[in-house]
Amino acid sequence: GTMTRRNVERLLRVADPSGGMPDKEVDLLDPHFQAPPDGSEPLVEGSPVRVSPDCTVKDAYLLMKVAESDGVLYVTDRGILQG
């Protein structure tokens, strides 16, 4: 899946509010992060793997490697498919 930097920071505040456990493991596949029960914005977008138009080729490549992508990335701008 994918996350914005803002959502990474929000997730860290939720998972470890005091900041006292820097090595805390977080399961990003937890359904509560992808579909919060309170109806708020999801912290993790499960799929498809997507990047913004200003994403570098290097970052896109690394994302595909980490996400074990099938080689397809969707380029979106504010949720609208660009390519």
N, C-alpha and C. Protein backbone atom coordinates (compact mmCIF):
# COMPACT_ATOMS: atom_id res chain seq x y z
N GLY A 1 0.81 -1.18 0.00
CA GLY A 1 0.00 0.00 0.00
C GLY A 1 0.86 1.25 0.00
N THR A 2 0.21 2.36 0.12
CA THR A 2 0.91 3.64 0.13
C THR A 2 0.40 4.49 1.28
N MET A 3 1.26 5.42 1.68
CA MET A 3 0.92 6.37 2.74
C MET A 3 1.53 7.71 2.40
N THR A 4 0.86 8.76 2.80
CA THR A 4 1.46 10.09 2.69
C THR A 4 2.34 10.31 3.91
N ARG A 5 3.24 11.24 3.80
CA ARG A 5 4.11 11.57 4.93
C ARG A 5 3.27 12.03 6.13
N ARG A 6 2.24 12.82 5.85
CA ARG A 6 1.36 13.29 6.92
C ARG A 6 0.70 12.11 7.64
N ASN A 7 0.27 11.11 6.88
CA ASN A 7 -0.36 9.95 7.50
C ASN A 7 0.63 9.09 8.25
N VAL A 8 1.88 9.04 7.81
CA VAL A 8 2.92 8.32 8.56
C VAL A 8 3.07 8.97 9.93
N GLU A 9 3.12 10.30 9.95
CA GLU A 9 3.26 11.02 11.22
C GLU A 9 2.04 10.80 12.11
N ARG A 10 0.83 10.79 11.51
CA ARG A 10 -0.40 10.53 12.28
C ARG A 10 -0.37 9.11 12.85
N LEU A 11 0.05 8.15 12.04
CA LEU A 11 0.12 6.76 12.48
C LEU A 11 1.08 6.61 13.65
N LEU A 12 2.22 7.27 13.58
CA LEU A 12 3.18 7.20 14.69
C LEU A 12 2.60 7.79 15.97
N ARG A 13 1.84 8.88 15.84
CA ARG A 13 1.22 9.47 17.03
C ARG A 13 0.16 8.53 17.63
N VAL A 14 -0.56 7.80 16.76
CA VAL A 14 -1.59 6.86 17.24
C VAL A 14 -0.94 5.64 17.88
N ALA A 15 0.08 5.09 17.21
CA ALA A 15 0.70 3.85 17.67
C ALA A 15 1.56 4.06 18.91
N ASP A 16 2.17 5.22 19.04
CA ASP A 16 3.07 5.49 20.17
C ASP A 16 2.94 6.96 20.58
N PRO A 17 1.83 7.30 21.25
CA PRO A 17 1.57 8.71 21.57
C PRO A 17 2.68 9.40 22.36
N SER A 18 3.33 8.67 23.25
CA SER A 18 4.36 9.30 24.08
C SER A 18 5.72 9.34 23.38
N GLY A 19 5.88 8.57 22.31
CA GLY A 19 7.17 8.52 21.62
C GLY A 19 8.20 7.72 22.36
N GLY A 20 7.77 6.95 23.35
CA GLY A 20 8.70 6.19 24.18
C GLY A 20 9.10 4.83 23.63
N MET A 21 8.49 4.40 22.53
CA MET A 21 8.80 3.09 21.98
C MET A 21 9.18 3.24 20.50
N PRO A 22 10.37 3.75 20.19
CA PRO A 22 10.75 4.01 18.80
C PRO A 22 10.84 2.75 17.93
N ASP A 23 10.98 1.58 18.54
CA ASP A 23 11.08 0.34 17.78
C ASP A 23 9.77 -0.43 17.71
N LYS A 24 8.67 0.21 18.09
CA LYS A 24 7.37 -0.45 18.07
C LYS A 24 7.01 -0.88 16.66
N GLU A 25 6.58 -2.15 16.51
CA GLU A 25 6.17 -2.65 15.21
C GLU A 25 4.71 -2.31 14.97
N VAL A 26 4.40 -1.91 13.73
CA VAL A 26 3.03 -1.54 13.37
C VAL A 26 2.63 -2.35 12.15
N ASP A 27 1.50 -3.04 12.22
CA ASP A 27 0.99 -3.82 11.09
C ASP A 27 0.19 -2.91 10.18
N LEU A 28 0.77 -2.55 9.04
CA LEU A 28 0.10 -1.63 8.12
C LEU A 28 -1.08 -2.28 7.40
N LEU A 29 -1.22 -3.59 7.52
CA LEU A 29 -2.36 -4.27 6.91
C LEU A 29 -3.55 -4.35 7.86
N ASP A 30 -3.40 -3.81 9.06
CA ASP A 30 -4.50 -3.77 10.01
C ASP A 30 -5.67 -3.03 9.38
N PRO A 31 -6.85 -3.67 9.32
CA PRO A 31 -8.01 -3.03 8.67
C PRO A 31 -8.38 -1.67 9.26
N HIS A 32 -8.06 -1.44 10.52
CA HIS A 32 -8.39 -0.15 11.14
C HIS A 32 -7.62 1.01 10.50
N PHE A 33 -6.46 0.71 9.92
CA PHE A 33 -5.69 1.76 9.27
C PHE A 33 -6.18 2.02 7.85
N GLN A 34 -6.79 1.01 7.22
CA GLN A 34 -7.26 1.16 5.84
C GLN A 34 -8.73 1.59 5.77
N ALA A 35 -9.48 1.27 6.80
CA ALA A 35 -10.90 1.66 6.86
C ALA A 35 -11.24 1.96 8.32
N PRO A 36 -10.86 3.14 8.82
CA PRO A 36 -11.09 3.47 10.23
C PRO A 36 -12.57 3.34 10.60
N PRO A 37 -12.85 2.72 11.76
CA PRO A 37 -14.23 2.54 12.18
C PRO A 37 -14.99 3.85 12.40
N ASP A 38 -14.26 4.93 12.68
CA ASP A 38 -14.93 6.22 12.91
C ASP A 38 -15.21 6.97 11.61
N GLY A 39 -14.87 6.36 10.47
CA GLY A 39 -15.15 6.99 9.18
C GLY A 39 -14.15 8.04 8.76
N SER A 40 -13.09 8.21 9.52
CA SER A 40 -12.08 9.22 9.17
C SER A 40 -11.26 8.76 7.97
N GLU A 41 -10.40 9.64 7.48
CA GLU A 41 -9.55 9.34 6.33
C GLU A 41 -8.64 8.15 6.63
N PRO A 42 -8.53 7.19 5.71
CA PRO A 42 -7.63 6.05 5.94
C PRO A 42 -6.18 6.51 6.05
N LEU A 43 -5.44 5.90 6.96
CA LEU A 43 -4.02 6.22 7.10
C LEU A 43 -3.20 5.50 6.04
N VAL A 44 -3.67 4.32 5.62
CA VAL A 44 -2.96 3.50 4.64
C VAL A 44 -3.89 3.21 3.48
N GLU A 45 -3.41 3.45 2.28
CA GLU A 45 -4.14 3.08 1.08
C GLU A 45 -3.63 1.71 0.66
N GLY A 46 -4.50 0.71 0.73
CA GLY A 46 -4.08 -0.66 0.49
C GLY A 46 -3.64 -0.94 -0.93
N SER A 47 -4.35 -0.46 -1.89
CA SER A 47 -3.99 -0.71 -3.27
C SER A 47 -4.85 0.17 -4.15
N PRO A 48 -4.53 0.42 -5.34
CA PRO A 48 -3.29 0.03 -6.00
C PRO A 48 -2.15 0.95 -5.61
N VAL A 49 -0.95 0.52 -5.95
CA VAL A 49 0.22 1.35 -5.68
C VAL A 49 0.15 2.56 -6.59
N ARG A 50 0.25 3.75 -6.00
CA ARG A 50 0.17 4.95 -6.81
C ARG A 50 1.15 5.99 -6.31
N VAL A 51 1.51 6.87 -7.20
CA VAL A 51 2.48 7.93 -6.89
C VAL A 51 1.96 9.24 -7.46
N SER A 52 2.51 10.33 -6.99
CA SER A 52 2.14 11.64 -7.52
C SER A 52 2.97 11.94 -8.77
N PRO A 53 2.52 12.88 -9.58
CA PRO A 53 3.25 13.21 -10.82
C PRO A 53 4.68 13.67 -10.59
N ASP A 54 4.99 14.21 -9.42
CA ASP A 54 6.35 14.69 -9.17
C ASP A 54 7.26 13.65 -8.53
N CYS A 55 6.80 12.41 -8.44
CA CYS A 55 7.60 11.32 -7.89
C CYS A 55 8.77 11.03 -8.83
N THR A 56 9.95 10.86 -8.27
CA THR A 56 11.11 10.55 -9.10
C THR A 56 11.07 9.09 -9.55
N VAL A 57 11.75 8.80 -10.63
CA VAL A 57 11.83 7.42 -11.12
C VAL A 57 12.47 6.53 -10.06
N LYS A 58 13.49 7.05 -9.40
CA LYS A 58 14.17 6.28 -8.35
C LYS A 58 13.19 5.92 -7.24
N ASP A 59 12.40 6.90 -6.76
CA ASP A 59 11.44 6.63 -5.70
C ASP A 59 10.37 5.64 -6.15
N ALA A 60 9.93 5.77 -7.40
CA ALA A 60 8.93 4.85 -7.94
C ALA A 60 9.49 3.43 -7.99
N TYR A 61 10.74 3.30 -8.42
CA TYR A 61 11.39 2.00 -8.48
C TYR A 61 11.49 1.38 -7.08
N LEU A 62 11.95 2.18 -6.13
CA LEU A 62 12.08 1.67 -4.76
C LEU A 62 10.72 1.27 -4.19
N LEU A 63 9.71 2.05 -4.47
CA LEU A 63 8.36 1.72 -4.01
C LEU A 63 7.89 0.40 -4.59
N MET A 64 8.13 0.19 -5.88
CA MET A 64 7.73 -1.07 -6.51
C MET A 64 8.48 -2.25 -5.90
N LYS A 65 9.76 -2.05 -5.57
CA LYS A 65 10.54 -3.12 -4.95
C LYS A 65 9.99 -3.47 -3.57
N VAL A 66 9.75 -2.46 -2.76
CA VAL A 66 9.28 -2.67 -1.39
C VAL A 66 7.87 -3.24 -1.38
N ALA A 67 7.02 -2.74 -2.27
CA ALA A 67 5.63 -3.17 -2.30
C ALA A 67 5.44 -4.48 -3.06
N GLU A 68 6.54 -5.04 -3.58
CA GLU A 68 6.46 -6.26 -4.39
C GLU A 68 5.39 -6.10 -5.46
N SER A 69 5.43 -4.94 -6.10
CA SER A 69 4.46 -4.59 -7.13
C SER A 69 4.66 -5.46 -8.37
N ASP A 70 3.61 -5.59 -9.15
CA ASP A 70 3.71 -6.35 -10.40
C ASP A 70 4.28 -5.48 -11.53
N GLY A 71 4.90 -4.37 -11.18
CA GLY A 71 5.50 -3.50 -12.17
C GLY A 71 4.59 -2.39 -12.66
N VAL A 72 3.44 -2.26 -12.04
CA VAL A 72 2.49 -1.23 -12.45
C VAL A 72 2.31 -0.22 -11.33
N LEU A 73 2.46 1.03 -11.66
CA LEU A 73 2.19 2.13 -10.74
C LEU A 73 1.16 3.02 -11.40
N TYR A 74 0.27 3.56 -10.61
CA TYR A 74 -0.71 4.52 -11.11
C TYR A 74 -0.26 5.91 -10.70
N VAL A 75 -0.22 6.81 -11.62
CA VAL A 75 0.14 8.19 -11.33
C VAL A 75 -1.18 8.95 -11.13
N THR A 76 -1.33 9.51 -9.93
CA THR A 76 -2.56 10.24 -9.62
C THR A 76 -2.23 11.62 -9.10
N ASP A 77 -3.14 12.52 -9.30
CA ASP A 77 -3.04 13.87 -8.77
C ASP A 77 -4.35 14.18 -8.08
N ARG A 78 -4.32 14.31 -6.76
CA ARG A 78 -5.52 14.53 -5.94
C ARG A 78 -6.57 13.45 -6.20
N GLY A 79 -6.09 12.20 -6.34
CA GLY A 79 -7.01 11.07 -6.52
C GLY A 79 -7.49 10.86 -7.94
N ILE A 80 -7.05 11.70 -8.88
CA ILE A 80 -7.48 11.58 -10.26
C ILE A 80 -6.37 10.91 -11.07
N LEU A 81 -6.72 9.86 -11.78
CA LEU A 81 -5.74 9.11 -12.57
C LEU A 81 -5.11 10.00 -13.64
N GLN A 82 -3.77 10.03 -13.66
CA GLN A 82 -3.04 10.82 -14.64
C GLN A 82 -2.32 9.93 -15.65
N GLY A 83 -1.94 8.73 -15.22
CA GLY A 83 -1.22 7.84 -16.15
C GLY A 83 -0.77 6.58 -15.51
